Amino acid sequence: MAAFFSGFSEPPQHEAPEPLEGPVVATVTGGTIIWFALFLIQLPFYGWFDDHGHTWWIWTCLAGGGLGLIGIWYVRRRDAAIRRDAAARNAAEPDGPGASAAR
């Protein structure tokens, strides 16, 4: 088996980059609003969707909105946990944040 892979080189090992942090709560909230808006826009046309066999479009939008509510709950708790951790780390430093840079 080793002979089969002998022609392949090992992939280069790189350090993983830091994860990007952005306005996660706003992004998830915006997406949730869009899903609910699409549900409400399509709801008056339920008969047309039913006639053409596309009612799943309506229910997909409702499911997206519902999952978005779970996502909002999750990312808000995540942001709060990140803030608590940062505050605990700053409080654990002996002279406060940036004290070593001032010396």
Protein backbone atom coordinates (compact mmCIF):
# COMPACT_ATOMS: atom_id res chain seq x y z
CA MET A 1 0.00 0.00 0.00
CA ALA A 2 2.89 2.34 0.76
CA ALA A 3 4.18 1.88 -2.79
CA PHE A 4 0.90 3.20 -4.13
CA PHE A 5 1.28 6.47 -2.24
CA SER A 6 5.04 6.83 -2.72
CA GLY A 7 4.62 9.25 -5.62
CA PHE A 8 2.58 11.68 -3.57
CA SER A 9 4.24 14.27 -1.40
CA GLU A 10 2.96 15.30 1.99
CA PRO A 11 0.77 18.39 1.91
CA PRO A 12 2.48 21.46 3.35
CA GLN A 13 1.68 22.01 7.01
CA HIS A 14 0.43 25.53 7.74
CA GLU A 15 -0.83 27.02 10.93
CA ALA A 16 -4.59 27.50 10.85
CA PRO A 17 -5.64 31.15 10.61
CA GLU A 18 -7.68 32.76 13.36
CA PRO A 19 -11.43 32.54 12.75
CA LEU A 20 -13.04 35.65 11.33
CA GLU A 21 -15.35 37.46 13.71
CA GLY A 22 -18.01 39.72 12.31
CA PRO A 23 -21.48 40.96 13.11
CA VAL A 24 -22.80 37.43 13.60
CA VAL A 25 -25.96 38.36 15.52
CA ALA A 26 -26.93 40.97 12.93
CA THR A 27 -26.26 38.56 10.06
CA VAL A 28 -28.35 35.75 11.55
CA THR A 29 -31.13 38.17 12.50
CA GLY A 30 -31.18 39.60 8.98
CA GLY A 31 -31.38 36.15 7.44
CA THR A 32 -34.20 35.18 9.79
CA ILE A 33 -36.16 38.30 8.88
CA ILE A 34 -35.72 37.51 5.18
CA TRP A 35 -37.01 33.93 5.67
CA PHE A 36 -40.09 35.15 7.56
CA ALA A 37 -40.70 37.91 4.99
CA LEU A 38 -40.56 35.37 2.17
CA PHE A 39 -43.02 33.18 4.06
CA LEU A 40 -45.45 36.07 4.54
CA ILE A 41 -45.11 37.23 0.92
CA GLN A 42 -45.85 33.74 -0.44
CA LEU A 43 -48.68 32.93 1.96
CA PRO A 44 -51.43 34.80 0.03
CA PHE A 45 -50.53 32.74 -3.06
CA TYR A 46 -50.93 29.41 -1.29
CA GLY A 47 -53.57 28.28 -3.82
CA TRP A 48 -51.25 28.85 -6.76
CA PHE A 49 -48.40 27.03 -5.04
CA ASP A 50 -50.78 24.16 -4.18
CA ASP A 51 -52.05 23.93 -7.78
CA HIS A 52 -48.50 23.69 -9.11
CA GLY A 53 -47.14 21.36 -6.42
CA HIS A 54 -44.84 23.95 -4.87
CA THR A 55 -46.24 24.29 -1.35
CA TRP A 56 -42.88 23.11 -0.03
CA TRP A 57 -41.53 26.56 -0.97
CA ILE A 58 -43.80 28.16 1.63
CA TRP A 59 -42.98 25.63 4.33
CA THR A 60 -39.26 25.90 3.57
CA CYS A 61 -39.43 29.63 4.29
CA LEU A 62 -41.26 29.00 7.55
CA ALA A 63 -38.70 26.36 8.55
CA GLY A 64 -35.87 28.78 7.69
CA GLY A 65 -37.44 31.42 9.91
CA GLY A 66 -37.91 28.96 12.75
CA LEU A 67 -34.35 27.69 12.51
CA GLY A 68 -33.22 31.31 12.33
CA LEU A 69 -34.87 31.97 15.71
CA ILE A 70 -32.84 29.11 17.15
CA GLY A 71 -29.76 30.59 15.47
CA ILE A 72 -30.40 34.02 16.99
CA TRP A 73 -30.69 32.46 20.44
CA TYR A 74 -27.46 30.52 19.87
CA VAL A 75 -25.30 33.39 18.57
CA ARG A 76 -26.50 35.78 21.29
CA ARG A 77 -25.47 33.26 23.95
CA ARG A 78 -22.17 32.68 22.13
CA ASP A 79 -21.38 36.41 22.04
CA ALA A 80 -22.24 36.74 25.73
CA ALA A 81 -19.94 33.81 26.56
CA ILE A 82 -17.11 35.36 24.51
CA ARG A 83 -17.55 38.67 26.35
CA ARG A 84 -17.60 36.93 29.75
CA ASP A 85 -14.42 35.02 28.88
CA ALA A 86 -12.66 38.20 27.74
CA ALA A 87 -13.69 39.98 30.94
CA ALA A 88 -12.47 37.08 33.07
CA ARG A 89 -9.13 37.03 31.25
CA ASN A 90 -8.69 40.79 31.70
CA ALA A 91 -9.56 40.52 35.40
CA ALA A 92 -7.05 37.68 35.83
CA GLU A 93 -4.15 39.79 34.56
CA PRO A 94 -2.20 41.17 37.57
CA ASP A 95 -2.02 44.83 36.49
CA GLY A 96 -4.92 44.91 34.04
CA PRO A 97 -4.85 44.78 30.26
CA GLY A 98 -1.87 46.37 28.54
CA ALA A 99 0.13 46.85 31.75
CA SER A 100 3.21 45.11 30.37
CA ALA A 101 3.22 47.37 27.30
CA ALA A 102 3.31 50.51 29.47
CA ARG A 103 6.52 49.46 31.25
